[in-house]
Amino acid sequence: MWNKLTNFVKDVRTEFSKVSWPTREDLVSSTGVVLVFSAIFAVFIGMFDLIISFVWGMLLGQ
């Protein structure tokens, strides 16, 4: 069992050495894109929720 664990750790280290890691600038840029998209999506969902709530209230006469 110890041998399997050792081989696994060696394989993981080998695979990690093959990974193309992003630069700091790429990471910051990608994070910014995700944050902006998430904010826009949150506003869109919020507006959609308000519209649906208004229509639902009109249909139920509240």
PDB file of N, CA and C in Angstrom:
ATOM      1  N   MET A   1       0.827  -1.194   0.000  1.00  0.00           N
ATOM      2  CA  MET A   1       0.000   0.000   0.000  1.00  0.00           C
ATOM      3  C   MET A   1       0.870   1.257   0.000  1.00  0.00           C
ATOM      4  N   TRP A   2       1.939   1.244   0.773  1.00  0.00           N
ATOM      5  CA  TRP A   2       2.834   2.396   0.828  1.00  0.00           C
ATOM      6  C   TRP A   2       3.458   2.655  -0.545  1.00  0.00           C
ATOM      7  N   ASN A   3       3.759   1.564  -1.256  1.00  0.00           N
ATOM      8  CA  ASN A   3       4.350   1.684  -2.594  1.00  0.00           C
ATOM      9  C   ASN A   3       3.375   2.347  -3.568  1.00  0.00           C
ATOM     10  N   LYS A   4       2.090   2.009  -3.479  1.00  0.00           N
ATOM     11  CA  LYS A   4       1.083   2.615  -4.344  1.00  0.00           C
ATOM     12  C   LYS A   4       0.964   4.108  -4.065  1.00  0.00           C
ATOM     13  N   LEU A   5       0.987   4.472  -2.805  1.00  0.00           N
ATOM     14  CA  LEU A   5       0.889   5.882  -2.426  1.00  0.00           C
ATOM     15  C   LEU A   5       2.101   6.660  -2.933  1.00  0.00           C
ATOM     16  N   THR A   6       3.273   6.080  -2.801  1.00  0.00           N
ATOM     17  CA  THR A   6       4.496   6.719  -3.275  1.00  0.00           C
ATOM     18  C   THR A   6       4.447   6.913  -4.794  1.00  0.00           C
ATOM     19  N   ASN A   7       4.017   5.876  -5.512  1.00  0.00           N
ATOM     20  CA  ASN A   7       3.905   5.992  -6.975  1.00  0.00           C
ATOM     21  C   ASN A   7       2.880   7.053  -7.368  1.00  0.00           C
ATOM     22  N   PHE A   8       1.783   7.118  -6.631  1.00  0.00           N
ATOM     23  CA  PHE A   8       0.759   8.123  -6.909  1.00  0.00           C
ATOM     24  C   PHE A   8       1.321   9.531  -6.756  1.00  0.00           C
ATOM     25  N   VAL A   9       2.030   9.780  -5.665  1.00  0.00           N
ATOM     26  CA  VAL A   9       2.607  11.101  -5.416  1.00  0.00           C
ATOM     27  C   VAL A   9       3.622  11.445  -6.504  1.00  0.00           C
ATOM     28  N   LYS A  10       4.422  10.481  -6.917  1.00  0.00           N
ATOM     29  CA  LYS A  10       5.388  10.727  -7.994  1.00  0.00           C
ATOM     30  C   LYS A  10       4.669  11.074  -9.295  1.00  0.00           C
ATOM     31  N   ASP A  11       3.601  10.347  -9.594  1.00  0.00           N
ATOM     32  CA  ASP A  11       2.834  10.620 -10.813  1.00  0.00           C
ATOM     33  C   ASP A  11       2.191  12.007 -10.766  1.00  0.00           C
ATOM     34  N   VAL A  12       1.689  12.383  -9.609  1.00  0.00           N
ATOM     35  CA  VAL A  12       1.083  13.707  -9.465  1.00  0.00           C
ATOM     36  C   VAL A  12       2.142  14.788  -9.687  1.00  0.00           C
ATOM     37  N   ARG A  13       3.298  14.627  -9.131  1.00  0.00           N
ATOM     38  CA  ARG A  13       4.369  15.615  -9.313  1.00  0.00           C
ATOM     39  C   ARG A  13       4.778  15.709 -10.780  1.00  0.00           C
ATOM     40  N   THR A  14       4.827  14.566 -11.461  1.00  0.00           N
ATOM     41  CA  THR A  14       5.170  14.560 -12.884  1.00  0.00           C
ATOM     42  C   THR A  14       4.118  15.310 -13.689  1.00  0.00           C
ATOM     43  N   GLU A  15       2.840  15.058 -13.412  1.00  0.00           N
ATOM     44  CA  GLU A  15       1.765  15.726 -14.140  1.00  0.00           C
ATOM     45  C   GLU A  15       1.738  17.222 -13.854  1.00  0.00           C
ATOM     46  N   PHE A  16       2.002  17.621 -12.605  1.00  0.00           N
ATOM     47  CA  PHE A  16       2.046  19.039 -12.266  1.00  0.00           C
ATOM     48  C   PHE A  16       3.170  19.765 -12.998  1.00  0.00           C
ATOM     49  N   SER A  17       4.256  19.078 -13.276  1.00  0.00           N
ATOM     50  CA  SER A  17       5.356  19.717 -14.006  1.00  0.00           C
ATOM     51  C   SER A  17       4.971  19.968 -15.462  1.00  0.00           C
ATOM     52  N   LYS A  18       3.975  19.249 -15.980  1.00  0.00           N
ATOM     53  CA  LYS A  18       3.516  19.419 -17.357  1.00  0.00           C
ATOM     54  C   LYS A  18       2.488  20.536 -17.498  1.00  0.00           C
ATOM     55  N   VAL A  19       1.969  21.011 -16.380  1.00  0.00           N
ATOM     56  CA  VAL A  19       0.915  22.017 -16.417  1.00  0.00           C
ATOM     57  C   VAL A  19       1.477  23.361 -16.851  1.00  0.00           C
ATOM     58  N   SER A  20       0.724  24.038 -17.707  1.00  0.00           N
ATOM     59  CA  SER A  20       1.083  25.388 -18.134  1.00  0.00           C
ATOM     60  C   SER A  20       0.389  26.372 -17.183  1.00  0.00           C
ATOM     61  N   TRP A  21       1.131  26.916 -16.228  1.00  0.00           N
ATOM     62  CA  TRP A  21       0.558  27.801 -15.225  1.00  0.00           C
ATOM     63  C   TRP A  21       0.429  29.209 -15.785  1.00  0.00           C
ATOM     64  N   PRO A  22      -0.678  29.894 -15.491  1.00  0.00           N
ATOM     65  CA  PRO A  22      -0.861  31.265 -16.009  1.00  0.00           C
ATOM     66  C   PRO A  22       0.060  32.245 -15.285  1.00  0.00           C
ATOM     67  N   THR A  23       0.360  33.330 -15.987  1.00  0.00           N
ATOM     68  CA  THR A  23       1.146  34.388 -15.353  1.00  0.00           C
ATOM     69  C   THR A  23       0.226  35.170 -14.410  1.00  0.00           C
ATOM     70  N   ARG A  24       0.825  35.993 -13.588  1.00  0.00           N
ATOM     71  CA  ARG A  24       0.036  36.797 -12.649  1.00  0.00           C
ATOM     72  C   ARG A  24      -0.907  37.732 -13.408  1.00  0.00           C
ATOM     73  N   GLU A  25      -0.418  38.317 -14.490  1.00  0.00           N
ATOM     74  CA  GLU A  25      -1.244  39.228 -15.282  1.00  0.00           C
ATOM     75  C   GLU A  25      -2.445  38.498 -15.884  1.00  0.00           C
ATOM     76  N   ASP A  26      -2.215  37.295 -16.408  1.00  0.00           N
ATOM     77  CA  ASP A  26      -3.319  36.506 -16.968  1.00  0.00           C
ATOM     78  C   ASP A  26      -4.349  36.171 -15.892  1.00  0.00           C
ATOM     79  N   LEU A  27      -3.862  35.827 -14.719  1.00  0.00           N
ATOM     80  CA  LEU A  27      -4.747  35.456 -13.622  1.00  0.00           C
ATOM     81  C   LEU A  27      -5.593  36.644 -13.163  1.00  0.00           C
ATOM     82  N   VAL A  28      -4.963  37.807 -13.036  1.00  0.00           N
ATOM     83  CA  VAL A  28      -5.689  39.014 -12.625  1.00  0.00           C
ATOM     84  C   VAL A  28      -6.716  39.399 -13.683  1.00  0.00           C
ATOM     85  N   SER A  29      -6.331  39.311 -14.950  1.00  0.00           N
ATOM     86  CA  SER A  29      -7.235  39.647 -16.044  1.00  0.00           C
ATOM     87  C   SER A  29      -8.433  38.703 -16.068  1.00  0.00           C
ATOM     88  N   SER A  30      -8.192  37.417 -15.945  1.00  0.00           N
ATOM     89  CA  SER A  30      -9.274  36.432 -15.945  1.00  0.00           C
ATOM     90  C   SER A  30     -10.198  36.622 -14.751  1.00  0.00           C
ATOM     91  N   THR A  31      -9.630  36.931 -13.610  1.00  0.00           N
ATOM     92  CA  THR A  31     -10.434  37.168 -12.412  1.00  0.00           C
ATOM     93  C   THR A  31     -11.332  38.387 -12.608  1.00  0.00           C
ATOM     94  N   GLY A  32     -10.787  39.430 -13.223  1.00  0.00           N
ATOM     95  CA  GLY A  32     -11.582  40.626 -13.505  1.00  0.00           C
ATOM     96  C   GLY A  32     -12.743  40.326 -14.433  1.00  0.00           C
ATOM     97  N   VAL A  33     -12.498  39.537 -15.464  1.00  0.00           N
ATOM     98  CA  VAL A  33     -13.562  39.163 -16.398  1.00  0.00           C
ATOM     99  C   VAL A  33     -14.658  38.393 -15.672  1.00  0.00           C
ATOM    100  N   VAL A  34     -14.271  37.457 -14.831  1.00  0.00           N
ATOM    101  CA  VAL A  34     -15.247  36.661 -14.083  1.00  0.00           C
ATOM    102  C   VAL A  34     -16.065  37.550 -13.153  1.00  0.00           C
ATOM    103  N   LEU A  35     -15.426  38.482 -12.460  1.00  0.00           N
ATOM    104  CA  LEU A  35     -16.143  39.370 -11.540  1.00  0.00           C
ATOM    105  C   LEU A  35     -17.120  40.281 -12.275  1.00  0.00           C
ATOM    106  N   VAL A  36     -16.694  40.834 -13.407  1.00  0.00           N
ATOM    107  CA  VAL A  36     -17.582  41.703 -14.185  1.00  0.00           C
ATOM    108  C   VAL A  36     -18.760  40.903 -14.734  1.00  0.00           C
ATOM    109  N   PHE A  37     -18.488  39.747 -15.295  1.00  0.00           N
ATOM    110  CA  PHE A  37     -19.563  38.911 -15.827  1.00  0.00           C
ATOM    111  C   PHE A  37     -20.534  38.512 -14.719  1.00  0.00           C
ATOM    112  N   SER A  38     -20.018  38.159 -13.555  1.00  0.00           N
ATOM    113  CA  SER A  38     -20.880  37.770 -12.435  1.00  0.00           C
ATOM    114  C   SER A  38     -21.764  38.933 -11.991  1.00  0.00           C
ATOM    115  N   ALA A  39     -21.204  40.135 -11.947  1.00  0.00           N
ATOM    116  CA  ALA A  39     -21.993  41.312 -11.554  1.00  0.00           C
ATOM    117  C   ALA A  39     -23.094  41.594 -12.576  1.00  0.00           C
ATOM    118  N   ILE A  40     -22.755  41.532 -13.859  1.00  0.00           N
ATOM    119  CA  ILE A  40     -23.754  41.759 -14.908  1.00  0.00           C
ATOM    120  C   ILE A  40     -24.842  40.697 -14.837  1.00  0.00           C
ATOM    121  N   PHE A  41     -24.453  39.459 -14.641  1.00  0.00           N
ATOM    122  CA  PHE A  41     -25.411  38.365 -14.556  1.00  0.00           C
ATOM    123  C   PHE A  41     -26.311  38.531 -13.329  1.00  0.00           C
ATOM    124  N   ALA A  42     -25.741  38.981 -12.203  1.00  0.00           N
ATOM    125  CA  ALA A  42     -26.533  39.199 -10.989  1.00  0.00           C
ATOM    126  C   ALA A  42     -27.567  40.302 -11.210  1.00  0.00           C
ATOM    127  N   VAL A  43     -27.183  41.384 -11.889  1.00  0.00           N
ATOM    128  CA  VAL A  43     -28.136  42.459 -12.191  1.00  0.00           C
ATOM    129  C   VAL A  43     -29.234  41.936 -13.112  1.00  0.00           C
ATOM    130  N   PHE A  44     -28.864  41.166 -14.117  1.00  0.00           N
ATOM    131  CA  PHE A  44     -29.847  40.598 -15.046  1.00  0.00           C
ATOM    132  C   PHE A  44     -30.846  39.707 -14.305  1.00  0.00           C
ATOM    133  N   ILE A  45     -30.349  38.825 -13.457  1.00  0.00           N
ATOM    134  CA  ILE A  45     -31.235  37.934 -12.694  1.00  0.00           C
ATOM    135  C   ILE A  45     -32.111  38.744 -11.742  1.00  0.00           C
ATOM    136  N   GLY A  46     -31.557  39.778 -11.114  1.00  0.00           N
ATOM    137  CA  GLY A  46     -32.337  40.631 -10.212  1.00  0.00           C
ATOM    138  C   GLY A  46     -33.455  41.348 -10.938  1.00  0.00           C
ATOM    139  N   MET A  47     -33.163  41.890 -12.111  1.00  0.00           N
ATOM    140  CA  MET A  47     -34.193  42.575 -12.902  1.00  0.00           C
ATOM    141  C   MET A  47     -35.275  41.584 -13.342  1.00  0.00           C
ATOM    142  N   PHE A  48     -34.855  40.422 -13.775  1.00  0.00           N
ATOM    143  CA  PHE A  48     -35.799  39.391 -14.191  1.00  0.00           C
ATOM    144  C   PHE A  48     -36.700  38.995 -13.021  1.00  0.00           C
ATOM    145  N   ASP A  49     -36.128  38.872 -11.842  1.00  0.00           N
ATOM    146  CA  ASP A  49     -36.899  38.523 -10.650  1.00  0.00           C
ATOM    147  C   ASP A  49     -37.914  39.616 -10.322  1.00  0.00           C
ATOM    148  N   LEU A  50     -37.507  40.874 -10.425  1.00  0.00           N
ATOM    149  CA  LEU A  50     -38.433  41.978 -10.164  1.00  0.00           C
ATOM    150  C   LEU A  50     -39.601  41.971 -11.150  1.00  0.00           C
ATOM    151  N   ILE A  51     -39.308  41.750 -12.414  1.00  0.00           N
ATOM    152  CA  ILE A  51     -40.364  41.713 -13.432  1.00  0.00           C
ATOM    153  C   ILE A  51     -41.323  40.560 -13.178  1.00  0.00           C
ATOM    154  N   ILE A  52     -40.778  39.387 -12.913  1.00  0.00           N
ATOM    155  CA  ILE A  52     -41.629  38.220 -12.644  1.00  0.00           C
ATOM    156  C   ILE A  52     -42.453  38.444 -11.384  1.00  0.00           C
ATOM    157  N   SER A  53     -41.872  39.029 -10.348  1.00  0.00           N
ATOM    158  CA  SER A  53     -42.617  39.310  -9.116  1.00  0.00           C
ATOM    159  C   SER A  53     -43.748  40.295  -9.374  1.00  0.00           C
ATOM    160  N   PHE A  54     -43.483  41.324 -10.184  1.00  0.00           N
ATOM    161  CA  PHE A  54     -44.513  42.301 -10.514  1.00  0.00           C
ATOM    162  C   PHE A  54     -45.655  41.637 -11.285  1.00  0.00           C
ATOM    163  N   VAL A  55     -45.320  40.844 -12.291  1.00  0.00           N
ATOM    164  CA  VAL A  55     -46.350  40.166 -13.091  1.00  0.00           C
ATOM    165  C   VAL A  55     -47.132  39.195 -12.220  1.00  0.00           C
ATOM    166  N   TRP A  56     -46.462  38.465 -11.383  1.00  0.00           N
ATOM    167  CA  TRP A  56     -47.121  37.500 -10.495  1.00  0.00           C
ATOM    168  C   TRP A  56     -48.079  38.226  -9.545  1.00  0.00           C
ATOM    169  N   GLY A  57     -47.645  39.359  -9.026  1.00  0.00           N
ATOM    170  CA  GLY A  57     -48.490  40.155  -8.141  1.00  0.00           C
ATOM    171  C   GLY A  57     -49.713  40.682  -8.872  1.00  0.00           C
ATOM    172  N   MET A  58     -49.554  41.096 -10.119  1.00  0.00           N
ATOM    173  CA  MET A  58     -50.682  41.585 -10.909  1.00  0.00           C
ATOM    174  C   MET A  58     -51.673  40.452 -11.192  1.00  0.00           C
ATOM    175  N   LEU A  59     -51.173  39.275 -11.452  1.00  0.00           N
ATOM    176  CA  LEU A  59     -52.048  38.138 -11.748  1.00  0.00           C
ATOM    177  C   LEU A  59     -52.835  37.699 -10.510  1.00  0.00           C
ATOM    178  N   LEU A  60     -52.218  37.794  -9.352  1.00  0.00           N
ATOM    179  CA  LEU A  60     -52.888  37.384  -8.113  1.00  0.00           C
ATOM    180  C   LEU A  60     -53.655  38.532  -7.496  1.00  0.00           C
ATOM    181  N   GLY A  61     -53.534  39.724  -8.034  1.00  0.00           N
ATOM    182  CA  GLY A  61     -54.264  40.886  -7.541  1.00  0.00           C
ATOM    183  C   GLY A  61     -53.755  41.387  -6.207  1.00  0.00           C
ATOM    184  N   GLN A  62     -52.470  41.294  -5.982  1.00  0.00           N
ATOM    185  CA  GLN A  62     -51.894  41.742  -4.705  1.00  0.00           C
ATOM    186  C   GLN A  62     -51.265  43.093  -4.849  1.00  0.00           C
TER     187      GLN A  62
END
